[in-house]
Amino acid sequence: MIPIRSISHPIVFGLRLTGIWPKSSYEIIVRFIWVIIMMCAQIFQYRYILNHIDFDNLADLIDSISTTLPYSLLCFKLINFWTKREIFKNILIGMYHDWTNAFAADFTVDDMIKKTELAYYCSNLIMGIYATAVFMYVGVFLELNHHDQGNRSNLSSELLIKMDLPFTYDESPIYEYVFIVQFIQLFFIASGIAVLDALIITLIFHTGGQIEILHKTLKNISIKDEKPESSRIIIKSLIDRHYRIIVGSEYIESLFSYIALLQLICNTVIICCIGFLIVVALNSNLKLLIRISFFYIAITLEAFIFSIAGEYLSNKSLSVSTSAYESPWYLLNPKNRGIMILLMVRSQKRLTITAGKFMDLSMQGFANVLKASASYISILYAMY
């Protein structure tokens, strides 16, 4: 099936379920449900952390923090998208016009389809990894809980997600009901995170596809039998496309900038916490190691996605200047030649996604996150 839009149906479905997709049915009701779910979960999670601040049981405290922060991060992402829905709507309108222009030009459709198929593949891979992480986490949790219940009597049942609930949940069937609710909640939280991570990759690939079409158009500039009218139309289309790319990237930057900042901070803390638990589990608990390994992969993947998106956009945008310089711009008439020079000058300013305007997202930033996390792990392990 040939994709006719850059955003896949699973992502659109996920955006509708989170109240982000413009003019979706029951948008207000969906948002209200998410607010209630997130607010209740966060209250009980942070209540647990405050009641268990005990460095004698550091591993338990760090485990609770590592499972609480992703909830808080998703909550911030949803609020950010809800408050900036006009920006997201403008991005979708721009993508629609890109597809319309591609079908009109015909020769650019194949390039857009290739990028869209790549975006579909990456989106499905991201959502598959998160789903696998959830089921692996829950499966190993059940195995560990069953094993401990068999070895020790009068053991209070441990919750899937550490929360300090205002009622007694140890006995059946209340414990089973709470477990099912937490599993459903965890699955939807992971799905929401996966959808938004897949969305930024999709938007970046779409922008990259537009840049590649711009490269192709620049290479096809012909100076043979140059007519002023036809030459003017070609140059105007180049400038219009480059302008739309710049505006689209600025919309993406505005939408994800502060998300990226909080993302890097939280991911540094979470990777540090989970890394510490992995180091502890290596010496004592192999099943705990298996339980949190996929969780660690998913969280690291989230930091990697944002970093690679920023790196990809920066490199692609800088390549426009090189492609324009390699075209036969110097053989055009003086007026068009001047326009091409302005295009080359403007394209030397790279497009990027920043973390709250403080730093550009890049693979170097991702490496810094891993290095900082490793340093904190050594400190925590020394305290432990």
Protein backbone atom coordinates (compact mmCIF):
# COMPACT_ATOMS: atom_id res chain seq x y z
CA MET A 1 0.00 0.00 0.00
CA ILE A 2 1.39 3.42 -0.97
CA PRO A 3 1.33 5.79 2.02
CA ILE A 4 -0.52 9.01 1.25
CA ARG A 5 0.42 10.76 4.46
CA SER A 6 3.64 10.98 6.42
CA ILE A 7 2.08 10.11 9.79
CA SER A 8 1.16 6.44 10.15
CA HIS A 9 -2.28 5.29 11.30
CA PRO A 10 -1.04 3.90 14.67
CA ILE A 11 0.45 7.31 15.49
CA VAL A 12 -2.74 9.11 14.44
CA PHE A 13 -4.78 6.68 16.56
CA GLY A 14 -2.47 7.29 19.53
CA LEU A 15 -2.69 11.06 19.09
CA ARG A 16 -6.48 10.82 19.07
CA LEU A 17 -6.45 8.75 22.28
CA THR A 18 -4.30 11.40 23.98
CA GLY A 19 -6.41 14.34 22.81
CA ILE A 20 -3.63 15.81 20.64
CA TRP A 21 -4.96 15.25 17.11
CA PRO A 22 -6.78 18.42 15.95
CA LYS A 23 -10.58 18.28 15.95
CA SER A 24 -10.69 14.68 17.14
CA SER A 25 -13.91 13.31 18.62
CA TYR A 26 -14.49 13.84 22.35
CA GLU A 27 -11.22 15.77 22.63
CA ILE A 28 -12.12 17.48 25.92
CA ILE A 29 -13.37 14.25 27.51
CA VAL A 30 -10.21 12.38 26.50
CA ARG A 31 -8.01 15.08 27.99
CA PHE A 32 -10.04 15.09 31.20
CA ILE A 33 -9.63 11.32 31.56
CA TRP A 34 -5.86 11.61 31.05
CA VAL A 35 -5.64 14.38 33.67
CA ILE A 36 -7.49 12.25 36.22
CA ILE A 37 -5.41 9.15 35.51
CA MET A 38 -2.08 10.99 35.58
CA MET A 39 -2.96 13.08 38.64
CA CYS A 40 -4.02 10.06 40.71
CA ALA A 41 -0.95 8.04 39.71
CA GLN A 42 1.47 10.89 40.40
CA ILE A 43 -0.01 11.69 43.82
CA PHE A 44 0.38 8.08 45.00
CA GLN A 45 3.82 7.70 43.40
CA TYR A 46 5.34 10.82 44.96
CA ARG A 47 3.63 9.98 48.23
CA TYR A 48 5.50 6.67 48.18
CA ILE A 49 8.82 8.42 47.49
CA LEU A 50 8.32 10.93 50.32
CA ASN A 51 7.41 8.17 52.77
CA HIS A 52 10.39 6.00 51.78
CA ILE A 53 13.25 8.49 51.74
CA ASP A 54 15.63 6.17 53.50
CA PHE A 55 19.24 5.78 52.38
CA ASP A 56 19.41 2.46 54.23
CA ASN A 57 17.18 1.10 51.46
CA LEU A 58 18.65 3.10 48.59
CA ALA A 59 17.83 0.54 45.90
CA ASP A 60 14.09 0.69 46.65
CA LEU A 61 14.11 4.49 46.64
CA ILE A 62 15.92 4.66 43.31
CA ASP A 63 13.60 2.04 41.81
CA SER A 64 10.56 4.13 42.75
CA ILE A 65 12.12 7.30 41.30
CA SER A 66 12.98 5.56 38.01
CA THR A 67 9.36 4.47 37.51
CA THR A 68 7.84 7.80 38.62
CA LEU A 69 9.77 10.22 36.40
CA PRO A 70 8.52 8.77 33.06
CA TYR A 71 4.96 9.43 34.25
CA SER A 72 5.85 13.04 35.09
CA LEU A 73 7.63 13.49 31.76
CA LEU A 74 4.64 12.20 29.77
CA CYS A 75 2.35 14.49 31.77
CA PHE A 76 4.47 17.49 30.77
CA LYS A 77 4.52 16.37 27.12
CA LEU A 78 0.74 16.08 26.98
CA ILE A 79 0.22 19.51 28.55
CA ASN A 80 2.74 21.00 26.13
CA PHE A 81 0.94 19.52 23.11
CA TRP A 82 -2.48 20.54 24.41
CA THR A 83 -1.39 24.15 24.93
CA LYS A 84 0.44 24.34 21.58
CA ARG A 85 -2.15 22.59 19.46
CA GLU A 86 -2.17 25.46 16.92
CA ILE A 87 1.53 24.88 16.22
CA PHE A 88 0.93 21.17 15.68
CA LYS A 89 -2.03 22.00 13.44
CA ASN A 90 0.21 24.27 11.34
CA ILE A 91 2.74 21.45 11.00
CA LEU A 92 0.02 19.10 9.71
CA ILE A 93 -1.21 21.73 7.27
CA GLY A 94 2.33 22.20 5.97
CA MET A 95 2.72 18.44 5.50
CA TYR A 96 -0.58 18.31 3.62
CA HIS A 97 0.61 21.06 1.25
CA ASP A 98 3.90 19.21 0.73
CA TRP A 99 2.00 16.10 -0.39
CA THR A 100 -0.27 18.19 -2.62
CA ASN A 101 2.71 19.83 -4.31
CA ALA A 102 4.45 16.46 -4.65
CA PHE A 103 1.51 14.94 -6.53
CA ALA A 104 1.35 18.04 -8.71
CA ALA A 105 5.06 17.84 -9.55
CA ASP A 106 4.89 14.02 -9.92
CA PHE A 107 8.68 13.46 -9.99
CA THR A 108 8.97 14.16 -6.22
CA VAL A 109 6.33 11.66 -5.09
CA ASP A 110 8.70 8.68 -5.05
CA ASP A 111 11.13 10.54 -2.78
CA MET A 112 8.39 11.36 -0.29
CA ILE A 113 7.05 7.81 -0.34
CA LYS A 114 10.50 6.39 0.44
CA LYS A 115 10.91 8.68 3.44
CA THR A 116 7.39 7.92 4.60
CA GLU A 117 7.98 4.17 4.43
CA LEU A 118 11.18 4.63 6.45
CA ALA A 119 9.26 6.70 9.00
CA TYR A 120 6.57 3.97 9.20
CA TYR A 121 9.22 1.32 9.82
CA CYS A 122 10.97 3.34 12.55
CA SER A 123 7.63 4.20 14.19
CA ASN A 124 6.56 0.56 14.33
CA LEU A 125 9.98 -0.41 15.69
CA ILE A 126 9.80 2.20 18.46
CA MET A 127 6.29 1.19 19.50
CA GLY A 128 7.26 -2.49 19.36
CA ILE A 129 10.24 -1.92 21.67
CA TYR A 130 8.12 -0.09 24.22
CA ALA A 131 5.40 -2.76 24.13
CA THR A 132 8.03 -5.49 24.55
CA ALA A 133 9.58 -3.60 27.47
CA VAL A 134 6.21 -3.41 29.23
CA PHE A 135 5.39 -7.10 28.80
CA MET A 136 8.92 -8.18 29.78
CA TYR A 137 8.78 -5.95 32.86
CA VAL A 138 5.38 -7.31 33.91
CA GLY A 139 6.26 -10.93 33.07
CA VAL A 140 9.46 -10.97 35.11
CA PHE A 141 7.66 -9.09 37.92
CA LEU A 142 5.02 -11.83 38.12
CA GLU A 143 7.69 -14.53 38.11
CA LEU A 144 9.66 -12.81 40.86
CA ASN A 145 6.55 -12.16 42.95
CA HIS A 146 5.37 -15.76 42.58
CA HIS A 147 8.81 -17.06 43.52
CA ASP A 148 9.02 -14.84 46.62
CA GLN A 149 5.50 -15.72 47.71
CA GLY A 150 6.41 -19.39 47.52
CA ASN A 151 9.55 -18.98 49.59
CA ARG A 152 8.29 -16.64 52.30
CA SER A 153 4.99 -16.64 54.15
CA ASN A 154 3.15 -13.54 55.37
CA LEU A 155 4.80 -11.46 52.64
CA SER A 156 2.92 -8.34 51.69
CA SER A 157 2.21 -8.29 47.96
CA GLU A 158 4.39 -5.83 46.06
CA LEU A 159 2.73 -3.49 43.57
CA LEU A 160 3.70 -3.45 39.92
CA ILE A 161 4.30 0.31 40.14
CA LYS A 162 5.40 1.55 43.55
CA MET A 163 2.60 3.64 45.04
CA ASP A 164 1.43 4.51 48.52
CA LEU A 165 -2.28 3.77 48.22
CA PRO A 166 -4.75 5.01 50.86
CA PHE A 167 -6.27 1.54 51.38
CA THR A 168 -5.16 -2.00 52.12
CA TYR A 169 -4.44 -3.97 48.96
CA ASP A 170 -2.61 -7.06 50.27
CA GLU A 171 -5.49 -9.50 50.18
CA SER A 172 -7.25 -11.08 47.21
CA PRO A 173 -9.11 -10.04 45.10
CA ILE A 174 -8.23 -6.38 45.81
CA TYR A 175 -4.58 -6.98 44.96
CA GLU A 176 -5.52 -8.53 41.59
CA TYR A 177 -7.77 -5.57 40.75
CA VAL A 178 -5.02 -3.09 41.62
CA PHE A 179 -2.50 -5.08 39.58
CA ILE A 180 -4.76 -5.08 36.50
CA VAL A 181 -5.39 -1.34 36.81
CA GLN A 182 -1.66 -0.64 37.14
CA PHE A 183 -0.85 -2.88 34.17
CA ILE A 184 -3.38 -1.09 31.96
CA GLN A 185 -2.08 2.26 33.19
CA LEU A 186 1.55 1.27 32.52
CA PHE A 187 0.68 0.03 29.03
CA PHE A 188 -1.07 3.29 28.13
CA ILE A 189 1.75 5.39 29.59
CA ALA A 190 4.34 3.45 27.55
CA SER A 191 2.15 3.69 24.45
CA GLY A 192 1.81 7.45 24.90
CA ILE A 193 5.57 7.86 25.22
CA ALA A 194 6.15 5.66 22.17
CA VAL A 195 3.63 7.59 20.06
CA LEU A 196 5.24 10.95 20.81
CA ASP A 197 8.75 9.57 20.20
CA ALA A 198 7.59 8.09 16.89
CA LEU A 199 5.96 11.42 16.02
CA ILE A 200 9.15 13.45 16.27
CA ILE A 201 11.00 10.88 14.13
CA THR A 202 8.19 11.06 11.55
CA LEU A 203 8.27 14.86 11.43
CA ILE A 204 12.06 14.91 11.08
CA PHE A 205 12.01 12.32 8.28
CA HIS A 206 9.36 14.34 6.47
CA THR A 207 11.53 17.46 6.71
CA GLY A 208 14.54 15.44 5.55
CA GLY A 209 12.53 14.24 2.56
CA GLN A 210 11.71 17.83 1.62
CA ILE A 211 15.40 18.72 1.80
CA GLU A 212 16.28 15.79 -0.47
CA ILE A 213 13.66 16.95 -2.98
CA LEU A 214 15.28 20.39 -2.84
CA HIS A 215 18.63 18.74 -3.63
CA LYS A 216 17.09 16.94 -6.58
CA THR A 217 15.57 20.15 -7.91
CA LEU A 218 18.88 21.99 -7.60
CA LYS A 219 20.66 19.27 -9.58
CA ASN A 220 18.04 19.48 -12.32
CA ILE A 221 18.54 23.19 -12.96
CA SER A 222 19.17 23.60 -16.66
CA ILE A 223 20.81 26.59 -18.28
CA LYS A 224 20.24 25.41 -21.85
CA ASP A 225 17.82 27.59 -23.79
CA GLU A 226 17.12 29.47 -20.62
CA LYS A 227 13.94 31.49 -20.85
CA PRO A 228 13.37 34.25 -18.31
CA GLU A 229 9.84 33.12 -17.43
CA SER A 230 10.60 29.39 -16.98
CA SER A 231 13.80 30.16 -15.09
CA ARG A 232 11.93 32.49 -12.76
CA ILE A 233 9.35 29.79 -12.00
CA ILE A 234 12.05 27.22 -11.15
CA ILE A 235 13.98 29.60 -8.89
CA LYS A 236 10.75 30.71 -7.19
CA SER A 237 9.80 27.07 -6.48
CA LEU A 238 13.24 26.51 -4.93
CA ILE A 239 12.92 29.51 -2.65
CA ASP A 240 9.34 28.60 -1.68
CA ARG A 241 10.32 25.04 -0.80
CA HIS A 242 13.33 26.18 1.21
CA TYR A 243 11.18 28.71 3.05
CA ARG A 244 8.58 26.03 3.91
CA ILE A 245 11.37 23.79 5.21
CA ILE A 246 12.64 26.57 7.46
CA VAL A 247 9.16 27.40 8.77
CA GLY A 248 8.37 23.70 9.34
CA SER A 249 11.59 23.14 11.28
CA GLU A 250 10.88 26.23 13.40
CA TYR A 251 7.44 24.83 14.24
CA ILE A 252 9.03 21.52 15.27
CA GLU A 253 11.61 23.38 17.37
CA SER A 254 8.88 25.41 19.08
CA LEU A 255 6.83 22.29 19.79
CA PHE A 256 9.63 20.08 21.12
CA SER A 257 12.19 22.50 22.56
CA TYR A 258 11.14 22.48 26.22
CA ILE A 259 10.07 18.85 25.96
CA ALA A 260 13.63 18.06 24.86
CA LEU A 261 15.09 19.99 27.81
CA LEU A 262 13.04 18.13 30.39
CA GLN A 263 13.62 14.93 28.43
CA LEU A 264 17.40 15.19 28.74
CA ILE A 265 17.24 16.02 32.45
CA CYS A 266 14.83 13.20 33.27
CA ASN A 267 16.57 10.68 31.02
CA THR A 268 19.90 11.44 32.71
CA VAL A 269 18.36 10.78 36.13
CA ILE A 270 16.41 7.69 35.00
CA ILE A 271 19.36 6.12 33.15
CA CYS A 272 21.47 6.77 36.24
CA CYS A 273 18.87 5.12 38.52
CA ILE A 274 18.31 2.08 36.30
CA GLY A 275 22.04 1.74 35.68
CA PHE A 276 22.60 1.66 39.44
CA LEU A 277 19.95 -1.06 39.83
CA ILE A 278 21.62 -3.06 37.05
CA VAL A 279 25.00 -2.83 38.81
CA VAL A 280 23.39 -3.97 42.07
CA ALA A 281 21.49 -6.77 40.33
CA LEU A 282 24.66 -8.10 38.67
CA ASN A 283 25.95 -9.10 42.09
CA SER A 284 22.78 -10.47 43.64
CA ASN A 285 19.64 -10.81 41.51
CA LEU A 286 19.72 -12.05 37.91
CA LYS A 287 15.92 -11.94 37.55
CA LEU A 288 15.83 -8.30 38.62
CA LEU A 289 18.47 -7.64 35.98
CA ILE A 290 16.26 -9.19 33.30
CA ARG A 291 13.26 -7.27 34.60
CA ILE A 292 14.82 -3.83 34.21
CA SER A 293 17.04 -4.45 31.16
CA PHE A 294 14.29 -3.79 28.60
CA PHE A 295 13.16 -0.80 30.66
CA TYR A 296 16.72 0.53 30.46
CA ILE A 297 16.79 -0.03 26.69
CA ALA A 298 13.48 1.82 26.24
CA ILE A 299 14.57 4.85 28.28
CA THR A 300 17.96 5.01 26.55
CA LEU A 301 16.18 4.72 23.20
CA GLU A 302 14.04 7.73 24.11
CA ALA A 303 17.12 9.90 24.73
CA PHE A 304 18.71 8.54 21.55
CA ILE A 305 15.64 9.35 19.43
CA PHE A 306 15.63 13.02 20.37
CA SER A 307 19.40 13.30 19.88
CA ILE A 308 19.46 11.57 16.49
CA ALA A 309 16.49 13.69 15.35
CA GLY A 310 18.40 16.90 16.10
CA GLU A 311 21.59 15.56 14.51
CA TYR A 312 19.78 14.42 11.37
CA LEU A 313 18.00 17.76 10.90
CA SER A 314 21.23 19.74 11.38
CA ASN A 315 23.24 17.69 8.90
CA LYS A 316 20.46 17.71 6.31
CA SER A 317 19.95 21.46 6.51
CA LEU A 318 23.66 22.21 6.08
CA SER A 319 23.79 20.01 2.98
CA VAL A 320 21.48 22.43 1.12
CA SER A 321 24.28 24.98 0.83
CA THR A 322 26.65 22.39 -0.66
CA SER A 323 24.02 21.15 -3.10
CA ALA A 324 23.21 24.70 -4.23
CA TYR A 325 26.90 25.49 -4.71
CA GLU A 326 27.40 22.38 -6.85
CA SER A 327 24.54 23.38 -9.16
CA PRO A 328 25.28 25.50 -12.30
CA TRP A 329 24.11 28.66 -10.53
CA TYR A 330 27.01 30.69 -11.91
CA LEU A 331 25.69 30.23 -15.47
CA LEU A 332 22.28 31.72 -14.71
CA ASN A 333 21.37 35.29 -15.54
CA PRO A 334 22.53 37.89 -12.97
CA LYS A 335 19.15 38.23 -11.24
CA ASN A 336 18.67 34.49 -10.68
CA ARG A 337 22.33 34.15 -9.78
CA GLY A 338 21.89 36.66 -6.97
CA ILE A 339 18.86 34.75 -5.65
CA MET A 340 20.85 31.49 -5.62
CA ILE A 341 23.65 33.16 -3.69
CA LEU A 342 21.13 34.31 -1.06
CA LEU A 343 19.81 30.74 -0.87
CA MET A 344 23.34 29.44 -0.23
CA VAL A 345 23.98 32.07 2.44
CA ARG A 346 20.70 31.34 4.26
CA SER A 347 21.22 27.57 4.15
CA GLN A 348 24.56 27.92 5.94
CA LYS A 349 22.58 28.64 9.11
CA ARG A 350 21.70 25.13 10.19
CA LEU A 351 18.27 24.05 11.35
CA THR A 352 18.15 22.23 14.64
CA ILE A 353 16.11 21.27 17.67
CA THR A 354 17.32 22.78 20.92
CA ALA A 355 16.84 21.69 24.51
CA GLY A 356 15.08 24.74 25.90
CA LYS A 357 17.25 27.08 23.79
CA PHE A 358 20.27 26.03 25.89
CA MET A 359 21.91 23.42 23.67
CA ASP A 360 21.38 21.71 20.33
CA LEU A 361 20.20 18.12 20.31
CA SER A 362 22.98 16.00 18.84
CA MET A 363 24.76 12.69 19.26
CA GLN A 364 27.41 14.50 21.26
CA GLY A 365 24.68 15.56 23.69
CA PHE A 366 23.50 11.95 23.91
CA ALA A 367 27.05 10.84 24.71
CA ASN A 368 27.21 13.50 27.43
CA VAL A 369 23.98 12.13 28.95
CA LEU A 370 25.46 8.64 29.11
CA LYS A 371 28.73 9.92 30.58
CA ALA A 372 26.93 11.98 33.23
CA SER A 373 24.73 9.00 34.11
CA ALA A 374 27.77 6.74 34.46
CA SER A 375 29.40 9.25 36.82
CA TYR A 376 26.29 9.41 39.00
CA ILE A 377 26.05 5.61 39.04
CA SER A 378 29.56 5.35 40.50
CA ILE A 379 28.61 7.86 43.21
CA LEU A 380 25.42 6.01 44.11
CA TYR A 381 27.20 2.68 44.17
CA ALA A 382 29.83 4.11 46.53
CA MET A 383 27.01 5.31 48.85
CA TYR A 384 25.29 1.92 48.61
